[in-house]
């Protein structure tokens, strides 16, 4: 019987959004008690995401990124519903 590591089992049950949130948590931990560690971690993920929007979507990808930013600014409730809909059942991660 193969050995199954808890972390890999847990990761296999996570949605892609939950995996991204877990990476964010790892980046925050990486910065330790540094100043603005949450913002710095979020900025790294945003830089990678924006580069991938451009690389794989060109102008269409950048327009999609703009749509998400507009939602966050102008309809935060809808943005939160999108986030919630991309988590697994029972996940309470980042819920206020």
PDB file of N, CA and C in Angstrom:
ATOM      1  N   UNK A   1       0.846  -1.185   0.000  1.00  0.00           N
ATOM      2  CA  UNK A   1       0.000   0.000   0.000  1.00  0.00           C
ATOM      3  C   UNK A   1       0.891   1.249   0.000  1.00  0.00           C
ATOM      4  N   UNK A   2       0.638   2.192  -0.918  1.00  0.00           N
ATOM      5  CA  UNK A   2       1.494   3.388  -0.987  1.00  0.00           C
ATOM      6  C   UNK A   2       1.291   4.291   0.226  1.00  0.00           C
ATOM      7  N   UNK A   3       2.353   4.974   0.593  1.00  0.00           N
ATOM      8  CA  UNK A   3       2.282   5.940   1.685  1.00  0.00           C
ATOM      9  C   UNK A   3       1.654   7.219   1.148  1.00  0.00           C
ATOM     10  N   UNK A   4       0.630   7.690   1.839  1.00  0.00           N
ATOM     11  CA  UNK A   4      -0.036   8.930   1.446  1.00  0.00           C
ATOM     12  C   UNK A   4       0.287   9.972   2.492  1.00  0.00           C
ATOM     13  N   UNK A   5       0.909  11.034   2.086  1.00  0.00           N
ATOM     14  CA  UNK A   5       1.236  12.118   3.001  1.00  0.00           C
ATOM     15  C   UNK A   5       0.014  12.999   3.201  1.00  0.00           C
ATOM     16  N   UNK A   6      -0.191  13.416   4.451  1.00  0.00           N
ATOM     17  CA  UNK A   6      -1.353  14.235   4.787  1.00  0.00           C
ATOM     18  C   UNK A   6      -1.416  15.490   3.936  1.00  0.00           C
ATOM     19  N   UNK A   7      -0.286  16.173   3.785  1.00  0.00           N
ATOM     20  CA  UNK A   7      -0.281  17.432   3.043  1.00  0.00           C
ATOM     21  C   UNK A   7      -0.712  17.220   1.592  1.00  0.00           C
ATOM     22  N   UNK A   8      -0.212  16.160   0.945  1.00  0.00           N
ATOM     23  CA  UNK A   8      -0.589  15.924  -0.446  1.00  0.00           C
ATOM     24  C   UNK A   8      -2.040  15.491  -0.555  1.00  0.00           C
ATOM     25  N   UNK A   9      -2.530  14.722   0.430  1.00  0.00           N
ATOM     26  CA  UNK A   9      -3.940  14.320   0.438  1.00  0.00           C
ATOM     27  C   UNK A   9      -4.825  15.549   0.609  1.00  0.00           C
ATOM     28  N   UNK A  10      -4.457  16.391   1.554  1.00  0.00           N
ATOM     29  CA  UNK A  10      -5.217  17.618   1.781  1.00  0.00           C
ATOM     30  C   UNK A  10      -5.221  18.483   0.523  1.00  0.00           C
ATOM     31  N   UNK A  11      -4.066  18.626  -0.116  1.00  0.00           N
ATOM     32  CA  UNK A  11      -3.958  19.452  -1.318  1.00  0.00           C
ATOM     33  C   UNK A  11      -4.811  18.886  -2.442  1.00  0.00           C
ATOM     34  N   UNK A  12      -4.906  17.566  -2.529  1.00  0.00           N
ATOM     35  CA  UNK A  12      -5.702  16.980  -3.607  1.00  0.00           C
ATOM     36  C   UNK A  12      -7.192  17.225  -3.414  1.00  0.00           C
ATOM     37  N   UNK A  13      -7.607  17.546  -2.189  1.00  0.00           N
ATOM     38  CA  UNK A  13      -9.010  17.816  -1.912  1.00  0.00           C
ATOM     39  C   UNK A  13      -9.353  19.302  -2.027  1.00  0.00           C
ATOM     40  N   UNK A  14      -8.333  20.125  -2.211  1.00  0.00           N
ATOM     41  CA  UNK A  14      -8.537  21.570  -2.277  1.00  0.00           C
ATOM     42  C   UNK A  14      -8.894  22.003  -3.692  1.00  0.00           C
ATOM     43  N   UNK A  15      -9.702  23.056  -3.775  1.00  0.00           N
ATOM     44  CA  UNK A  15      -9.992  23.655  -5.078  1.00  0.00           C
ATOM     45  C   UNK A  15      -8.774  24.475  -5.506  1.00  0.00           C
ATOM     46  N   UNK A  16      -8.680  24.828  -6.786  1.00  0.00           N
ATOM     47  CA  UNK A  16      -7.566  25.683  -7.216  1.00  0.00           C
ATOM     48  C   UNK A  16      -7.488  26.996  -6.428  1.00  0.00           C
ATOM     49  N   UNK A  17      -8.637  27.595  -6.111  1.00  0.00           N
ATOM     50  CA  UNK A  17      -8.620  28.833  -5.331  1.00  0.00           C
ATOM     51  C   UNK A  17      -8.053  28.584  -3.943  1.00  0.00           C
ATOM     52  N   UNK A  18      -8.444  27.482  -3.325  1.00  0.00           N
ATOM     53  CA  UNK A  18      -7.929  27.163  -1.994  1.00  0.00           C
ATOM     54  C   UNK A  18      -6.423  26.902  -2.037  1.00  0.00           C
ATOM     55  N   UNK A  19      -5.931  26.297  -3.107  1.00  0.00           N
ATOM     56  CA  UNK A  19      -4.491  26.091  -3.257  1.00  0.00           C
ATOM     57  C   UNK A  19      -3.775  27.433  -3.379  1.00  0.00           C
ATOM     58  N   UNK A  20      -4.362  28.370  -4.110  1.00  0.00           N
ATOM     59  CA  UNK A  20      -3.762  29.704  -4.248  1.00  0.00           C
ATOM     60  C   UNK A  20      -3.760  30.415  -2.889  1.00  0.00           C
ATOM     61  N   UNK A  21      -4.843  30.264  -2.127  1.00  0.00           N
ATOM     62  CA  UNK A  21      -4.904  30.871  -0.797  1.00  0.00           C
ATOM     63  C   UNK A  21      -3.869  30.244   0.134  1.00  0.00           C
ATOM     64  N   UNK A  22      -3.647  28.945   0.016  1.00  0.00           N
ATOM     65  CA  UNK A  22      -2.634  28.272   0.830  1.00  0.00           C
ATOM     66  C   UNK A  22      -1.236  28.787   0.468  1.00  0.00           C
ATOM     67  N   UNK A  23      -0.995  29.013  -0.823  1.00  0.00           N
ATOM     68  CA  UNK A  23       0.293  29.575  -1.245  1.00  0.00           C
ATOM     69  C   UNK A  23       0.467  30.975  -0.668  1.00  0.00           C
ATOM     70  N   UNK A  24      -0.603  31.757  -0.672  1.00  0.00           N
ATOM     71  CA  UNK A  24      -0.554  33.092  -0.066  1.00  0.00           C
ATOM     72  C   UNK A  24      -0.146  32.977   1.407  1.00  0.00           C
ATOM     73  N   UNK A  25      -0.767  32.043   2.130  1.00  0.00           N
ATOM     74  CA  UNK A  25      -0.430  31.845   3.552  1.00  0.00           C
ATOM     75  C   UNK A  25       1.047  31.482   3.711  1.00  0.00           C
ATOM     76  N   UNK A  26       1.573  30.648   2.814  1.00  0.00           N
ATOM     77  CA  UNK A  26       2.992  30.279   2.858  1.00  0.00           C
ATOM     78  C   UNK A  26       3.879  31.498   2.617  1.00  0.00           C
ATOM     79  N   UNK A  27       3.481  32.346   1.671  1.00  0.00           N
ATOM     80  CA  UNK A  27       4.269  33.551   1.397  1.00  0.00           C
ATOM     81  C   UNK A  27       4.248  34.498   2.585  1.00  0.00           C
ATOM     82  N   UNK A  28       3.092  34.659   3.216  1.00  0.00           N
ATOM     83  CA  UNK A  28       3.002  35.514   4.405  1.00  0.00           C
ATOM     84  C   UNK A  28       3.946  34.980   5.476  1.00  0.00           C
ATOM     85  N   UNK A  29       3.912  33.668   5.687  1.00  0.00           N
ATOM     86  CA  UNK A  29       4.800  33.056   6.687  1.00  0.00           C
ATOM     87  C   UNK A  29       6.264  33.278   6.313  1.00  0.00           C
ATOM     88  N   UNK A  30       6.574  33.238   5.026  1.00  0.00           N
ATOM     89  CA  UNK A  30       7.947  33.457   4.557  1.00  0.00           C
ATOM     90  C   UNK A  30       8.468  34.819   4.997  1.00  0.00           C
ATOM     91  N   UNK A  31       7.604  35.817   5.002  1.00  0.00           N
ATOM     92  CA  UNK A  31       8.017  37.166   5.382  1.00  0.00           C
ATOM     93  C   UNK A  31       8.123  37.339   6.899  1.00  0.00           C
ATOM     94  N   UNK A  32       7.764  36.296   7.649  1.00  0.00           N
ATOM     95  CA  UNK A  32       7.903  36.351   9.106  1.00  0.00           C
ATOM     96  C   UNK A  32       7.131  37.506   9.705  1.00  0.00           C
ATOM     97  N   UNK A  33       7.809  38.265  10.522  1.00  0.00           N
ATOM     98  CA  UNK A  33       7.172  39.420  11.168  1.00  0.00           C
ATOM     99  C   UNK A  33       7.465  40.714  10.412  1.00  0.00           C
ATOM    100  N   UNK A  34       7.858  40.582   9.153  1.00  0.00           N
ATOM    101  CA  UNK A  34       8.198  41.751   8.343  1.00  0.00           C
ATOM    102  C   UNK A  34       7.023  42.702   8.161  1.00  0.00           C
ATOM    103  N   UNK A  35       7.381  43.928   7.911  1.00  0.00           N
ATOM    104  CA  UNK A  35       6.381  44.969   7.696  1.00  0.00           C
ATOM    105  C   UNK A  35       5.593  44.699   6.414  1.00  0.00           C
ATOM    106  N   UNK A  36       4.288  44.890   6.470  1.00  0.00           N
ATOM    107  CA  UNK A  36       3.402  44.735   5.312  1.00  0.00           C
ATOM    108  C   UNK A  36       3.501  43.342   4.682  1.00  0.00           C
ATOM    109  N   UNK A  37       3.719  42.331   5.491  1.00  0.00           N
ATOM    110  CA  UNK A  37       3.932  40.985   4.944  1.00  0.00           C
ATOM    111  C   UNK A  37       2.734  40.485   4.152  1.00  0.00           C
ATOM    112  N   UNK A  38       1.510  40.810   4.576  1.00  0.00           N
ATOM    113  CA  UNK A  38       0.321  40.375   3.838  1.00  0.00           C
ATOM    114  C   UNK A  38       0.243  41.036   2.471  1.00  0.00           C
ATOM    115  N   UNK A  39       0.531  42.335   2.436  1.00  0.00           N
ATOM    116  CA  UNK A  39       0.504  43.070   1.169  1.00  0.00           C
ATOM    117  C   UNK A  39       1.621  42.587   0.254  1.00  0.00           C
ATOM    118  N   UNK A  40       2.789  42.346   0.810  1.00  0.00           N
ATOM    119  CA  UNK A  40       3.918  41.868   0.003  1.00  0.00           C
ATOM    120  C   UNK A  40       3.599  40.505  -0.613  1.00  0.00           C
ATOM    121  N   UNK A  41       2.995  39.615   0.170  1.00  0.00           N
ATOM    122  CA  UNK A  41       2.628  38.289  -0.346  1.00  0.00           C
ATOM    123  C   UNK A  41       1.570  38.422  -1.433  1.00  0.00           C
ATOM    124  N   UNK A  42       0.569  39.260  -1.196  1.00  0.00           N
ATOM    125  CA  UNK A  42      -0.481  39.452  -2.195  1.00  0.00           C
ATOM    126  C   UNK A  42       0.093  40.061  -3.470  1.00  0.00           C
ATOM    127  N   UNK A  43       1.027  40.981  -3.320  1.00  0.00           N
ATOM    128  CA  UNK A  43       1.642  41.621  -4.491  1.00  0.00           C
ATOM    129  C   UNK A  43       2.383  40.602  -5.350  1.00  0.00           C
ATOM    130  N   UNK A  44       3.071  39.655  -4.709  1.00  0.00           N
ATOM    131  CA  UNK A  44       3.793  38.636  -5.486  1.00  0.00           C
ATOM    132  C   UNK A  44       2.819  37.795  -6.302  1.00  0.00           C
ATOM    133  N   UNK A  45       1.719  37.381  -5.679  1.00  0.00           N
ATOM    134  CA  UNK A  45       0.718  36.597  -6.398  1.00  0.00           C
ATOM    135  C   UNK A  45       0.082  37.416  -7.517  1.00  0.00           C
ATOM    136  N   UNK A  46      -0.169  38.685  -7.251  1.00  0.00           N
ATOM    137  CA  UNK A  46      -0.771  39.546  -8.270  1.00  0.00           C
ATOM    138  C   UNK A  46       0.172  39.725  -9.458  1.00  0.00           C
ATOM    139  N   UNK A  47       1.448  39.926  -9.195  1.00  0.00           N
ATOM    140  CA  UNK A  47       2.413  40.067 -10.287  1.00  0.00           C
ATOM    141  C   UNK A  47       2.428  38.827 -11.173  1.00  0.00           C
ATOM    142  N   UNK A  48       2.458  37.660 -10.555  1.00  0.00           N
ATOM    143  CA  UNK A  48       2.453  36.411 -11.327  1.00  0.00           C
ATOM    144  C   UNK A  48       1.150  36.292 -12.106  1.00  0.00           C
ATOM    145  N   UNK A  49       0.023  36.572 -11.451  1.00  0.00           N
ATOM    146  CA  UNK A  49      -1.280  36.456 -12.117  1.00  0.00           C
ATOM    147  C   UNK A  49      -1.384  37.406 -13.305  1.00  0.00           C
ATOM    148  N   UNK A  50      -0.972  38.657 -13.117  1.00  0.00           N
ATOM    149  CA  UNK A  50      -1.052  39.620 -14.216  1.00  0.00           C
ATOM    150  C   UNK A  50      -0.163  39.204 -15.382  1.00  0.00           C
ATOM    151  N   UNK A  51       1.020  38.702 -15.083  1.00  0.00           N
ATOM    152  CA  UNK A  51       1.907  38.232 -16.147  1.00  0.00           C
ATOM    153  C   UNK A  51       1.268  37.082 -16.915  1.00  0.00           C
ATOM    154  N   UNK A  52       0.591  36.183 -16.203  1.00  0.00           N
ATOM    155  CA  UNK A  52      -0.063  35.045 -16.853  1.00  0.00           C
ATOM    156  C   UNK A  52      -1.286  35.494 -17.653  1.00  0.00           C
ATOM    157  N   UNK A  53      -2.033  36.477 -17.146  1.00  0.00           N
ATOM    158  CA  UNK A  53      -3.154  37.032 -17.926  1.00  0.00           C
ATOM    159  C   UNK A  53      -2.639  37.540 -19.263  1.00  0.00           C
ATOM    160  N   UNK A  54      -1.548  38.305 -19.226  1.00  0.00           N
ATOM    161  CA  UNK A  54      -0.989  38.869 -20.452  1.00  0.00           C
ATOM    162  C   UNK A  54      -0.410  37.778 -21.344  1.00  0.00           C
ATOM    163  N   UNK A  55       0.364  36.870 -20.757  1.00  0.00           N
ATOM    164  CA  UNK A  55       1.037  35.827 -21.524  1.00  0.00           C
ATOM    165  C   UNK A  55       0.040  34.906 -22.224  1.00  0.00           C
ATOM    166  N   UNK A  56      -1.000  34.510 -21.541  1.00  0.00           N
ATOM    167  CA  UNK A  56      -1.909  33.507 -22.096  1.00  0.00           C
ATOM    168  C   UNK A  56      -3.181  34.089 -22.697  1.00  0.00           C
ATOM    169  N   UNK A  57      -3.473  35.339 -22.400  1.00  0.00           N
ATOM    170  CA  UNK A  57      -4.713  35.918 -22.905  1.00  0.00           C
ATOM    171  C   UNK A  57      -4.535  37.173 -23.722  1.00  0.00           C
ATOM    172  N   UNK A  58      -3.325  37.750 -23.692  1.00  0.00           N
ATOM    173  CA  UNK A  58      -3.102  38.992 -24.425  1.00  0.00           C
ATOM    174  C   UNK A  58      -4.068  40.069 -23.961  1.00  0.00           C
ATOM    175  N   UNK A  59      -4.557  40.897 -24.885  1.00  0.00           N
ATOM    176  CA  UNK A  59      -5.494  41.960 -24.521  1.00  0.00           C
ATOM    177  C   UNK A  59      -6.771  41.426 -23.863  1.00  0.00           C
ATOM    178  N   UNK A  60      -7.220  40.260 -24.306  1.00  0.00           N
ATOM    179  CA  UNK A  60      -8.419  39.651 -23.710  1.00  0.00           C
ATOM    180  C   UNK A  60      -8.166  39.284 -22.245  1.00  0.00           C
ATOM    181  N   UNK A  61      -6.973  38.780 -21.947  1.00  0.00           N
ATOM    182  CA  UNK A  61      -6.614  38.437 -20.573  1.00  0.00           C
ATOM    183  C   UNK A  61      -6.513  39.661 -19.689  1.00  0.00           C
ATOM    184  N   UNK A  62      -5.935  40.722 -20.225  1.00  0.00           N
ATOM    185  CA  UNK A  62      -5.826  41.969 -19.464  1.00  0.00           C
ATOM    186  C   UNK A  62      -7.210  42.548 -19.201  1.00  0.00           C
ATOM    187  N   UNK A  63      -8.117  42.443 -20.183  1.00  0.00           N
ATOM    188  CA  UNK A  63      -9.486  42.916 -19.995  1.00  0.00           C
ATOM    189  C   UNK A  63     -10.178  42.117 -18.884  1.00  0.00           C
ATOM    190  N   UNK A  64      -9.931  40.815 -18.824  1.00  0.00           N
ATOM    191  CA  UNK A  64     -10.515  39.992 -17.767  1.00  0.00           C
ATOM    192  C   UNK A  64      -9.976  40.410 -16.401  1.00  0.00           C
ATOM    193  N   UNK A  65      -8.681  40.686 -16.313  1.00  0.00           N
ATOM    194  CA  UNK A  65      -8.094  41.169 -15.064  1.00  0.00           C
ATOM    195  C   UNK A  65      -8.756  42.485 -14.653  1.00  0.00           C
ATOM    196  N   UNK A  66      -8.974  43.372 -15.617  1.00  0.00           N
ATOM    197  CA  UNK A  66      -9.662  44.645 -15.339  1.00  0.00           C
ATOM    198  C   UNK A  66     -11.075  44.402 -14.803  1.00  0.00           C
ATOM    199  N   UNK A  67     -11.774  43.409 -15.369  1.00  0.00           N
ATOM    200  CA  UNK A  67     -13.129  43.097 -14.901  1.00  0.00           C
ATOM    201  C   UNK A  67     -13.114  42.671 -13.435  1.00  0.00           C
ATOM    202  N   UNK A  68     -12.154  41.835 -13.061  1.00  0.00           N
ATOM    203  CA  UNK A  68     -12.062  41.419 -11.656  1.00  0.00           C
ATOM    204  C   UNK A  68     -11.753  42.595 -10.744  1.00  0.00           C
ATOM    205  N   UNK A  69     -10.852  43.492 -11.167  1.00  0.00           N
ATOM    206  CA  UNK A  69     -10.547  44.671 -10.354  1.00  0.00           C
ATOM    207  C   UNK A  69     -11.757  45.588 -10.225  1.00  0.00           C
ATOM    208  N   UNK A  70     -12.504  45.764 -11.326  1.00  0.00           N
ATOM    209  CA  UNK A  70     -13.716  46.578 -11.272  1.00  0.00           C
ATOM    210  C   UNK A  70     -14.750  45.978 -10.321  1.00  0.00           C
ATOM    211  N   UNK A  71     -14.891  44.656 -10.361  1.00  0.00           N
ATOM    212  CA  UNK A  71     -15.813  43.991  -9.434  1.00  0.00           C
ATOM    213  C   UNK A  71     -15.402  44.242  -7.989  1.00  0.00           C
ATOM    214  N   UNK A  72     -14.130  44.095  -7.717  1.00  0.00           N
ATOM    215  CA  UNK A  72     -13.631  44.299  -6.361  1.00  0.00           C
ATOM    216  C   UNK A  72     -13.910  45.719  -5.878  1.00  0.00           C
ATOM    217  N   UNK A  73     -13.738  46.686  -6.772  1.00  0.00           N
ATOM    218  CA  UNK A  73     -13.945  48.087  -6.402  1.00  0.00           C
ATOM    219  C   UNK A  73     -15.415  48.473  -6.329  1.00  0.00           C
ATOM    220  N   UNK A  74     -16.214  47.996  -7.289  1.00  0.00           N
ATOM    221  CA  UNK A  74     -17.578  48.517  -7.441  1.00  0.00           C
ATOM    222  C   UNK A  74     -18.683  47.565  -6.998  1.00  0.00           C
ATOM    223  N   UNK A  75     -18.388  46.282  -6.878  1.00  0.00           N
ATOM    224  CA  UNK A  75     -19.397  45.307  -6.445  1.00  0.00           C
ATOM    225  C   UNK A  75     -18.731  44.240  -5.587  1.00  0.00           C
ATOM    226  N   UNK A  76     -18.231  44.649  -4.403  1.00  0.00           N
ATOM    227  CA  UNK A  76     -17.495  43.707  -3.560  1.00  0.00           C
ATOM    228  C   UNK A  76     -18.321  42.489  -3.128  1.00  0.00           C
ATOM    229  N   UNK A  77     -19.633  42.659  -3.019  1.00  0.00           N
ATOM    230  CA  UNK A  77     -20.466  41.510  -2.651  1.00  0.00           C
ATOM    231  C   UNK A  77     -20.446  40.444  -3.748  1.00  0.00           C
ATOM    232  N   UNK A  78     -20.535  40.863  -4.995  1.00  0.00           N
ATOM    233  CA  UNK A  78     -20.476  39.914  -6.105  1.00  0.00           C
ATOM    234  C   UNK A  78     -19.099  39.268  -6.170  1.00  0.00           C
ATOM    235  N   UNK A  79     -18.056  40.051  -5.943  1.00  0.00           N
ATOM    236  CA  UNK A  79     -16.704  39.517  -5.931  1.00  0.00           C
ATOM    237  C   UNK A  79     -16.586  38.428  -4.864  1.00  0.00           C
ATOM    238  N   UNK A  80     -17.117  38.691  -3.671  1.00  0.00           N
ATOM    239  CA  UNK A  80     -17.060  37.702  -2.587  1.00  0.00           C
ATOM    240  C   UNK A  80     -17.863  36.452  -2.941  1.00  0.00           C
ATOM    241  N   UNK A  81     -18.995  36.611  -3.630  1.00  0.00           N
ATOM    242  CA  UNK A  81     -19.773  35.435  -4.059  1.00  0.00           C
ATOM    243  C   UNK A  81     -18.975  34.587  -5.047  1.00  0.00           C
ATOM    244  N   UNK A  82     -18.238  35.235  -5.938  1.00  0.00           N
ATOM    245  CA  UNK A  82     -17.386  34.500  -6.880  1.00  0.00           C
ATOM    246  C   UNK A  82     -16.310  33.744  -6.104  1.00  0.00           C
ATOM    247  N   UNK A  83     -15.683  34.409  -5.148  1.00  0.00           N
ATOM    248  CA  UNK A  83     -14.666  33.752  -4.333  1.00  0.00           C
ATOM    249  C   UNK A  83     -15.262  32.558  -3.591  1.00  0.00           C
ATOM    250  N   UNK A  84     -16.390  32.768  -2.964  1.00  0.00           N
ATOM    251  CA  UNK A  84     -17.045  31.703  -2.189  1.00  0.00           C
ATOM    252  C   UNK A  84     -17.423  30.528  -3.097  1.00  0.00           C
ATOM    253  N   UNK A  85     -17.883  30.823  -4.297  1.00  0.00           N
ATOM    254  CA  UNK A  85     -18.287  29.780  -5.231  1.00  0.00           C
ATOM    255  C   UNK A  85     -17.123  28.951  -5.748  1.00  0.00           C
ATOM    256  N   UNK A  86     -15.909  29.442  -5.563  1.00  0.00           N
ATOM    257  CA  UNK A  86     -14.726  28.719  -6.014  1.00  0.00           C
ATOM    258  C   UNK A  86     -14.020  27.975  -4.891  1.00  0.00           C
ATOM    259  N   UNK A  87     -14.681  27.900  -3.740  1.00  0.00           N
ATOM    260  CA  UNK A  87     -14.149  27.124  -2.618  1.00  0.00           C
ATOM    261  C   UNK A  87     -14.970  25.855  -2.475  1.00  0.00           C
ATOM    262  N   UNK A  88     -14.378  24.867  -1.828  1.00  0.00           N
ATOM    263  CA  UNK A  88     -15.100  23.612  -1.613  1.00  0.00           C
ATOM    264  C   UNK A  88     -16.143  23.799  -0.521  1.00  0.00           C
ATOM    265  N   UNK A  89     -17.085  22.885  -0.482  1.00  0.00           N
ATOM    266  CA  UNK A  89     -18.104  22.905   0.568  1.00  0.00           C
ATOM    267  C   UNK A  89     -17.416  22.830   1.921  1.00  0.00           C
ATOM    268  N   UNK A  90     -17.889  23.613   2.847  1.00  0.00           N
ATOM    269  CA  UNK A  90     -17.374  23.539   4.196  1.00  0.00           C
ATOM    270  C   UNK A  90     -16.097  24.328   4.435  1.00  0.00           C
ATOM    271  N   UNK A  91     -15.526  24.897   3.401  1.00  0.00           N
ATOM    272  CA  UNK A  91     -14.310  25.683   3.590  1.00  0.00           C
ATOM    273  C   UNK A  91     -14.680  27.028   4.183  1.00  0.00           C
ATOM    274  N   UNK A  92     -14.072  27.363   5.280  1.00  0.00           N
ATOM    275  CA  UNK A  92     -14.336  28.646   5.898  1.00  0.00           C
ATOM    276  C   UNK A  92     -13.180  29.606   5.730  1.00  0.00           C
ATOM    277  N   UNK A  93     -12.256  29.272   4.842  1.00  0.00           N
ATOM    278  CA  UNK A  93     -11.052  30.078   4.665  1.00  0.00           C
ATOM    279  C   UNK A  93     -11.417  31.490   4.240  1.00  0.00           C
ATOM    280  N   UNK A  94     -10.906  32.447   4.972  1.00  0.00           N
ATOM    281  CA  UNK A  94     -11.037  33.877   4.683  1.00  0.00           C
ATOM    282  C   UNK A  94     -12.460  34.398   4.769  1.00  0.00           C
ATOM    283  N   UNK A  95     -13.353  33.670   5.370  1.00  0.00           N
ATOM    284  CA  UNK A  95     -14.710  34.195   5.499  1.00  0.00           C
ATOM    285  C   UNK A  95     -14.787  35.060   6.735  1.00  0.00           C
ATOM    286  N   UNK A  96     -15.422  36.219   6.585  1.00  0.00           N
ATOM    287  CA  UNK A  96     -15.527  37.157   7.716  1.00  0.00           C
ATOM    288  C   UNK A  96     -16.689  36.785   8.608  1.00  0.00           C
TER     289      UNK A  96
END
